[in-house]
Every structure is written in C-alpha cells, then in structure tokens.
C-alpha cells in the first residue's frame, strides 16, 4: 500500500460585519467560505513545493463534507484555520480543517472533506413515496452565484439549505417571529453533506426538506436537492440542530401541537 502523503497549512481571516446573519454571528454556511480560502492557500503552498500531484485536481472533486460546529464567531473576531491534507491512494484525498477564534483560541468548527473520483456514485432519482411528509423549495441558480470554475460554491449550497429550513418552518405553521421575539432561534451543531453533481447556471433545482427526530429529542433536517428537469439527486444533507433560547443558552421545548405540525405536515411536490 502506498505510504500516505501529508501537508499542513494555516491561515487567519478577519470576520467582516457582512458575514453576520440575523442572529448576530457568522452564518454556518459562511464557515464554508473561510474553509475554502484556507484550502486554496494550502493548495498554493503545495504547488510551490512541487507537490501539487497530491491533489490531482483534474480527477478528484469533493464528494463528502462533515462539519461540527463547536462555537460561534462574531464581528470583529478573527478566525484561524489549520488545514491538513492526506493522500493515501491515487483515488482518494482527505482534508481535515480546524477553525479557532484567535481572541481566546476556542475551537469553532471541525471539518472533514473527502475528495474522490466524480461520477462513481449510483444515480438516484426523486420518488414521492420516499417523502410522506416533506417541504419543497425551488432554487434558480443566479449568474452571480457561480465561482471562477462556473459552478456554485459549497457555501452558497449551504445558504440554499439554510433558507429551505427556515421556509419549511414557516410552512408548517411555526411562529418564528414570536419565537425570535422571545430570543429563541435555530442553531446548527452538526452537518453532513454528500455531493453527487455540481450546480450550474441556468439550471433549476428543488430542495426536499424533511424533519427527523435526533439525539436527545433534538431535531434533524434531511435535505435532498434534485435537478428540476431530470429529477436526479445532486446533493444530500443531514443537518442536526435545535431551537435555542439564545439568552438562557438552553434548548427550547416545543408543544405537542407544534411537534405535530413539524413532523406531519404534507405538501405537494413542485417538479
């Protein structure tokens, strides 16, 4: 077996006020853009060292991402990111990244990316029978959302999923404005994403969102994103979260009536 090759890089980035969301901290999707900047720096360093073959960018693409959110970032904090790239065989590369707050060295996010050969996964297509209770949200990729390679970045994909979670909460009848007035808001603490294809302009997609019961009676959100024209699965994600009393730092407990709305609201597919 080929010996593993490993490289370690680091990068610090300032938090911009524009990176904050409605809860006053950096949105979980924005973390992806910070991690991407750190990966780009690591790739550049490899190229300078004459070791860019470890990445084989023409062959490998990000197939899976695992994120654990350990803390929050606010303005004007600074994020420090370490990037470790490991290649053990020609068809797989693993990237592990840790993000810290520079002010107190607290761990903010742990991330793991698996790069592999694209197109090896079995094709999956939308089947309404798999979603007895789900919410449907259309996505039209905008030209301005494309990166220099002509595809949608991972952070923008997470913004799509974040938007679908919030919209589904409104659709099932939760009083989000009332909760927000009480200082209660959604918090994500773990996310797993599998990428089966890229998102491009001017294609349209549909996010199918389902609520699941998670550990300690918390919530999990299943997101499957399909091409609207072919009904082919593009991204699959499982997001673990809860509604948190942001002042008391304790999980909010929904009533039985609210739980019924969350888990048993049925809507019509929009394909």
Protein backbone atom coordinates (compact mmCIF):
# COMPACT_ATOMS: atom_id res chain seq x y z
CA UNK A 1 0.00 0.00 0.00
CA UNK A 2 1.27 3.47 -0.92
CA UNK A 3 2.54 5.49 2.01
CA UNK A 4 0.32 8.43 2.99
CA UNK A 5 1.44 11.91 1.99
CA UNK A 6 0.52 14.75 4.34
CA UNK A 7 0.81 18.52 4.36
CA UNK A 8 -0.28 21.10 6.97
CA UNK A 9 -1.07 24.76 6.35
CA UNK A 10 -2.63 27.62 8.33
CA UNK A 11 -4.48 30.85 7.59
CA UNK A 12 -6.07 33.67 9.60
CA UNK A 13 -9.09 35.61 8.32
CA UNK A 14 -10.90 38.61 9.83
CA UNK A 15 -14.65 38.38 10.33
CA UNK A 16 -16.45 41.03 8.30
CA UNK A 17 -19.64 42.57 9.57
CA UNK A 18 -21.26 41.47 6.28
CA UNK A 19 -20.61 37.85 7.34
CA UNK A 20 -23.08 38.10 10.24
CA UNK A 21 -26.60 36.70 9.97
CA UNK A 22 -29.82 37.80 11.64
CA UNK A 23 -28.71 36.20 14.93
CA UNK A 24 -25.61 38.41 15.05
CA UNK A 25 -22.99 35.73 14.42
CA UNK A 26 -21.31 34.23 11.37
CA UNK A 27 -23.74 32.03 9.44
CA UNK A 28 -22.83 28.33 9.38
CA UNK A 29 -22.69 28.45 5.57
CA UNK A 30 -20.16 31.28 5.64
CA UNK A 31 -17.77 28.99 7.51
CA UNK A 32 -17.51 27.07 4.25
CA UNK A 33 -16.11 30.13 2.50
CA UNK A 34 -13.48 30.56 5.24
CA UNK A 35 -12.51 26.89 4.94
CA UNK A 36 -12.32 27.19 1.15
CA UNK A 37 -9.90 30.15 1.45
CA UNK A 38 -7.69 28.08 3.73
CA UNK A 39 -7.75 25.14 1.29
CA UNK A 40 -6.80 27.42 -1.60
CA UNK A 41 -3.79 28.65 0.38
CA UNK A 42 -2.79 25.07 1.20
CA UNK A 43 -3.07 24.07 -2.47
CA UNK A 44 -0.91 27.05 -3.49
CA UNK A 45 1.76 26.06 -0.99
CA UNK A 46 1.77 22.52 -2.35
CA UNK A 47 2.22 23.87 -5.85
CA UNK A 48 5.17 25.99 -4.74
CA UNK A 49 6.72 22.90 -3.15
CA UNK A 50 6.26 20.93 -6.36
CA UNK A 51 3.80 18.55 -4.68
CA UNK A 52 0.55 19.54 -6.39
CA UNK A 53 0.23 16.00 -7.73
CA UNK A 54 -1.10 15.05 -4.29
CA UNK A 55 -4.38 16.74 -5.21
CA UNK A 56 -4.86 15.72 -8.83
CA UNK A 57 -7.48 18.49 -9.21
CA UNK A 58 -8.44 17.39 -12.73
CA UNK A 59 -9.53 13.99 -11.40
CA UNK A 60 -10.75 14.48 -7.85
CA UNK A 61 -13.68 16.50 -6.52
CA UNK A 62 -15.22 16.97 -3.06
CA UNK A 63 -17.65 14.10 -2.58
CA UNK A 64 -18.44 14.42 1.14
CA UNK A 65 -18.22 17.07 3.85
CA UNK A 66 -18.66 16.66 7.61
CA UNK A 67 -18.92 19.72 9.85
CA UNK A 68 -19.13 20.05 13.63
CA UNK A 69 -19.96 23.50 14.97
CA UNK A 70 -18.36 23.97 18.38
CA UNK A 71 -18.59 27.72 18.91
CA UNK A 72 -19.59 30.98 17.30
CA UNK A 73 -17.78 33.78 15.55
CA UNK A 74 -18.77 37.42 15.80
CA UNK A 75 -17.52 40.70 14.45
CA UNK A 76 -14.75 41.85 14.83
CA UNK A 77 -13.27 38.45 15.72
CA UNK A 78 -10.62 36.69 13.64
CA UNK A 79 -10.69 33.06 12.53
CA UNK A 80 -7.54 30.94 12.45
CA UNK A 81 -7.75 27.80 10.30
CA UNK A 82 -5.41 24.83 10.11
CA UNK A 83 -5.59 22.58 7.06
CA UNK A 84 -4.22 19.05 6.88
CA UNK A 85 -4.25 17.25 3.53
CA UNK A 86 -3.67 13.50 3.44
CA UNK A 87 -3.46 11.29 0.35
CA UNK A 88 -3.20 7.54 0.84
CA UNK A 89 -4.01 6.36 -2.72
CA UNK A 90 -4.43 7.90 -6.18
CA UNK A 91 -8.22 7.91 -5.97
CA UNK A 92 -8.83 9.47 -2.56
CA UNK A 93 -7.71 12.56 -0.66
CA UNK A 94 -8.82 13.62 2.82
CA UNK A 95 -8.73 17.20 4.07
CA UNK A 96 -9.18 17.95 7.79
CA UNK A 97 -9.62 21.54 8.91
CA UNK A 98 -9.97 23.11 12.37
CA UNK A 99 -11.15 26.69 12.87
CA UNK A 100 -10.36 28.66 16.05
CA UNK A 101 -11.21 32.09 17.44
CA UNK A 102 -7.91 33.94 17.72
CA UNK A 103 -9.11 36.00 20.70
CA UNK A 104 -9.30 33.01 23.07
CA UNK A 105 -8.10 30.05 20.93
CA UNK A 106 -11.52 28.37 21.28
CA UNK A 107 -12.39 25.74 18.69
CA UNK A 108 -15.20 26.98 16.45
CA UNK A 109 -15.55 24.32 13.78
CA UNK A 110 -14.14 20.93 12.84
CA UNK A 111 -14.41 19.96 9.18
CA UNK A 112 -13.56 16.89 7.13
CA UNK A 113 -13.67 16.73 3.35
CA UNK A 114 -13.36 13.59 1.23
CA UNK A 115 -12.20 14.03 -2.35
CA UNK A 116 -12.75 11.24 -4.83
CA UNK A 117 -13.44 10.40 -8.43
CA UNK A 118 -16.67 12.04 -9.64
CA UNK A 119 -19.43 10.06 -11.30
CA UNK A 120 -18.84 6.77 -9.45
CA UNK A 121 -21.98 7.01 -7.30
CA UNK A 122 -25.20 5.27 -8.25
CA UNK A 123 -27.72 7.68 -9.75
CA UNK A 124 -30.75 8.41 -7.55
CA UNK A 125 -33.99 9.99 -8.76
CA UNK A 126 -36.88 11.62 -6.92
CA UNK A 127 -39.66 9.31 -5.76
CA UNK A 128 -42.56 10.91 -3.89
CA UNK A 129 -43.15 7.70 -1.90
CA UNK A 130 -39.85 8.35 -0.07
CA UNK A 131 -41.16 11.65 1.30
CA UNK A 132 -44.54 11.17 3.04
CA UNK A 133 -44.13 14.48 4.92
CA UNK A 134 -41.84 16.97 3.25
CA UNK A 135 -41.47 20.57 2.13
CA UNK A 136 -40.43 21.63 -1.37
CA UNK A 137 -38.46 24.74 -2.29
CA UNK A 138 -37.33 25.79 -5.79
CA UNK A 139 -33.82 27.06 -6.47
CA UNK A 140 -32.87 29.05 -9.58
CA UNK A 141 -29.10 29.42 -9.78
CA UNK A 142 -28.15 33.03 -10.40
CA UNK A 143 -25.23 34.04 -12.61
CA UNK A 144 -23.59 35.94 -9.76
CA UNK A 145 -23.52 32.75 -7.65
CA UNK A 146 -21.06 30.97 -9.97
CA UNK A 147 -17.41 30.74 -8.99
CA UNK A 148 -14.50 31.13 -11.48
CA UNK A 149 -14.90 27.45 -12.40
CA UNK A 150 -18.52 28.07 -13.41
CA UNK A 151 -20.19 26.11 -10.58
CA UNK A 152 -21.90 27.00 -7.30
CA UNK A 153 -19.60 27.05 -4.25
CA UNK A 154 -20.22 24.92 -1.15
CA UNK A 155 -21.06 27.95 0.99
CA UNK A 156 -23.83 29.02 -1.41
CA UNK A 157 -25.25 25.49 -1.38
CA UNK A 158 -25.44 25.68 2.41
CA UNK A 159 -27.21 29.04 2.14
CA UNK A 160 -29.81 27.30 -0.05
CA UNK A 161 -30.30 24.58 2.56
CA UNK A 162 -30.42 27.11 5.40
CA UNK A 163 -33.12 29.04 3.56
CA UNK A 164 -35.10 25.82 2.97
CA UNK A 165 -35.02 25.00 6.70
CA UNK A 166 -36.37 28.41 7.66
CA UNK A 167 -39.02 28.44 4.93
CA UNK A 168 -40.17 24.95 5.92
CA UNK A 169 -40.62 26.17 9.49
CA UNK A 170 -42.92 28.92 8.24
CA UNK A 171 -44.75 26.43 6.01
CA UNK A 172 -45.58 24.10 8.87
CA UNK A 173 -47.02 26.99 10.87
CA UNK A 174 -44.35 27.64 13.49
CA UNK A 175 -44.49 31.18 14.86
CA UNK A 176 -40.85 32.05 14.11
CA UNK A 177 -41.38 35.77 14.65
CA UNK A 178 -42.88 35.09 18.06
CA UNK A 179 -40.01 32.77 18.94
CA UNK A 180 -37.48 35.32 17.81
CA UNK A 181 -39.15 37.97 19.99
CA UNK A 182 -38.56 35.61 22.92
CA UNK A 183 -34.90 35.21 21.98
CA UNK A 184 -35.36 31.72 20.52
CA UNK A 185 -33.67 30.85 17.24
CA UNK A 186 -32.40 27.86 15.23
CA UNK A 187 -28.88 26.61 15.93
CA UNK A 188 -26.98 24.05 13.82
CA UNK A 189 -24.35 21.93 15.57
CA UNK A 190 -23.53 19.23 13.00
CA UNK A 191 -23.92 18.82 9.26
CA UNK A 192 -23.13 16.05 6.79
CA UNK A 193 -23.27 16.72 3.06
CA UNK A 194 -22.78 14.38 0.11
CA UNK A 195 -22.21 15.87 -3.34
CA UNK A 196 -23.21 13.86 -6.40
CA UNK A 197 -23.09 16.55 -9.07
CA UNK A 198 -22.30 20.24 -9.48
CA UNK A 199 -24.87 23.05 -9.60
CA UNK A 200 -24.66 25.27 -12.66
CA UNK A 201 -26.40 28.20 -14.36
CA UNK A 202 -29.14 28.46 -15.64
CA UNK A 203 -30.39 25.19 -14.20
CA UNK A 204 -33.16 24.92 -11.63
CA UNK A 205 -33.31 22.62 -8.61
CA UNK A 206 -35.74 21.54 -5.91
CA UNK A 207 -34.82 21.06 -2.24
CA UNK A 208 -36.92 18.42 -0.46
CA UNK A 209 -36.79 19.01 3.31
CA UNK A 210 -37.97 16.53 5.95
CA UNK A 211 -37.88 16.86 9.75
CA UNK A 212 -36.48 13.97 11.77
CA UNK A 213 -36.10 13.26 15.47
CA UNK A 214 -32.46 13.33 16.51
CA UNK A 215 -30.41 12.60 19.62
CA UNK A 216 -31.72 13.88 22.97
CA UNK A 217 -35.08 14.65 21.35
CA UNK A 218 -33.49 17.30 19.18
CA UNK A 219 -34.26 17.93 15.52
CA UNK A 220 -32.54 16.79 12.36
CA UNK A 221 -33.24 18.11 8.90
CA UNK A 222 -32.94 15.91 5.85
CA UNK A 223 -32.29 17.86 2.65
CA UNK A 224 -32.24 16.19 -0.75
CA UNK A 225 -31.66 18.50 -3.68
CA UNK A 226 -32.77 17.33 -7.13
CA UNK A 227 -32.44 18.71 -10.62
CA UNK A 228 -35.89 20.04 -11.52
CA UNK A 229 -35.63 18.86 -15.13
CA UNK A 230 -34.17 15.37 -14.63
CA UNK A 231 -35.24 14.71 -11.00
CA UNK A 232 -31.71 13.43 -10.40
CA UNK A 233 -30.20 13.77 -6.90
CA UNK A 234 -27.46 16.42 -6.77
CA UNK A 235 -26.84 16.98 -3.04
CA UNK A 236 -27.94 15.05 0.04
CA UNK A 237 -27.55 16.54 3.51
CA UNK A 238 -28.37 15.68 7.10
CA UNK A 239 -28.26 18.66 9.45
CA UNK A 240 -28.54 18.31 13.23
CA UNK A 241 -29.86 21.28 15.14
CA UNK A 242 -32.30 22.67 17.66
CA UNK A 243 -34.14 25.84 18.55
CA UNK A 244 -32.14 27.51 21.28
CA UNK A 245 -33.10 30.11 23.87
CA UNK A 246 -30.18 32.35 22.93
CA UNK A 247 -30.33 34.28 26.20
CA UNK A 248 -30.53 31.34 28.59
CA UNK A 249 -28.43 29.05 26.35
CA UNK A 250 -30.93 26.23 26.78
CA UNK A 251 -32.87 24.21 24.17
CA UNK A 252 -36.42 25.40 23.52
CA UNK A 253 -39.13 22.80 24.11
CA UNK A 254 -41.92 22.73 21.54
CA UNK A 255 -45.50 21.89 22.48
CA UNK A 256 -47.12 18.67 21.24
CA UNK A 257 -49.21 20.72 18.80
CA UNK A 258 -46.08 22.32 17.37
CA UNK A 259 -44.36 18.93 17.08
CA UNK A 260 -47.36 17.59 15.17
CA UNK A 261 -47.02 20.43 12.66
CA UNK A 262 -43.29 19.83 12.29
CA UNK A 263 -43.46 16.09 11.65
CA UNK A 264 -46.82 15.60 9.94
CA UNK A 265 -47.37 18.46 7.52
CA UNK A 266 -47.73 17.24 3.95
CA UNK A 267 -47.16 19.47 0.93
CA UNK A 268 -47.33 18.92 -2.83
CA UNK A 269 -44.19 18.26 -4.90
CA UNK A 270 -43.30 21.07 -7.32
CA UNK A 271 -41.50 19.13 -10.03
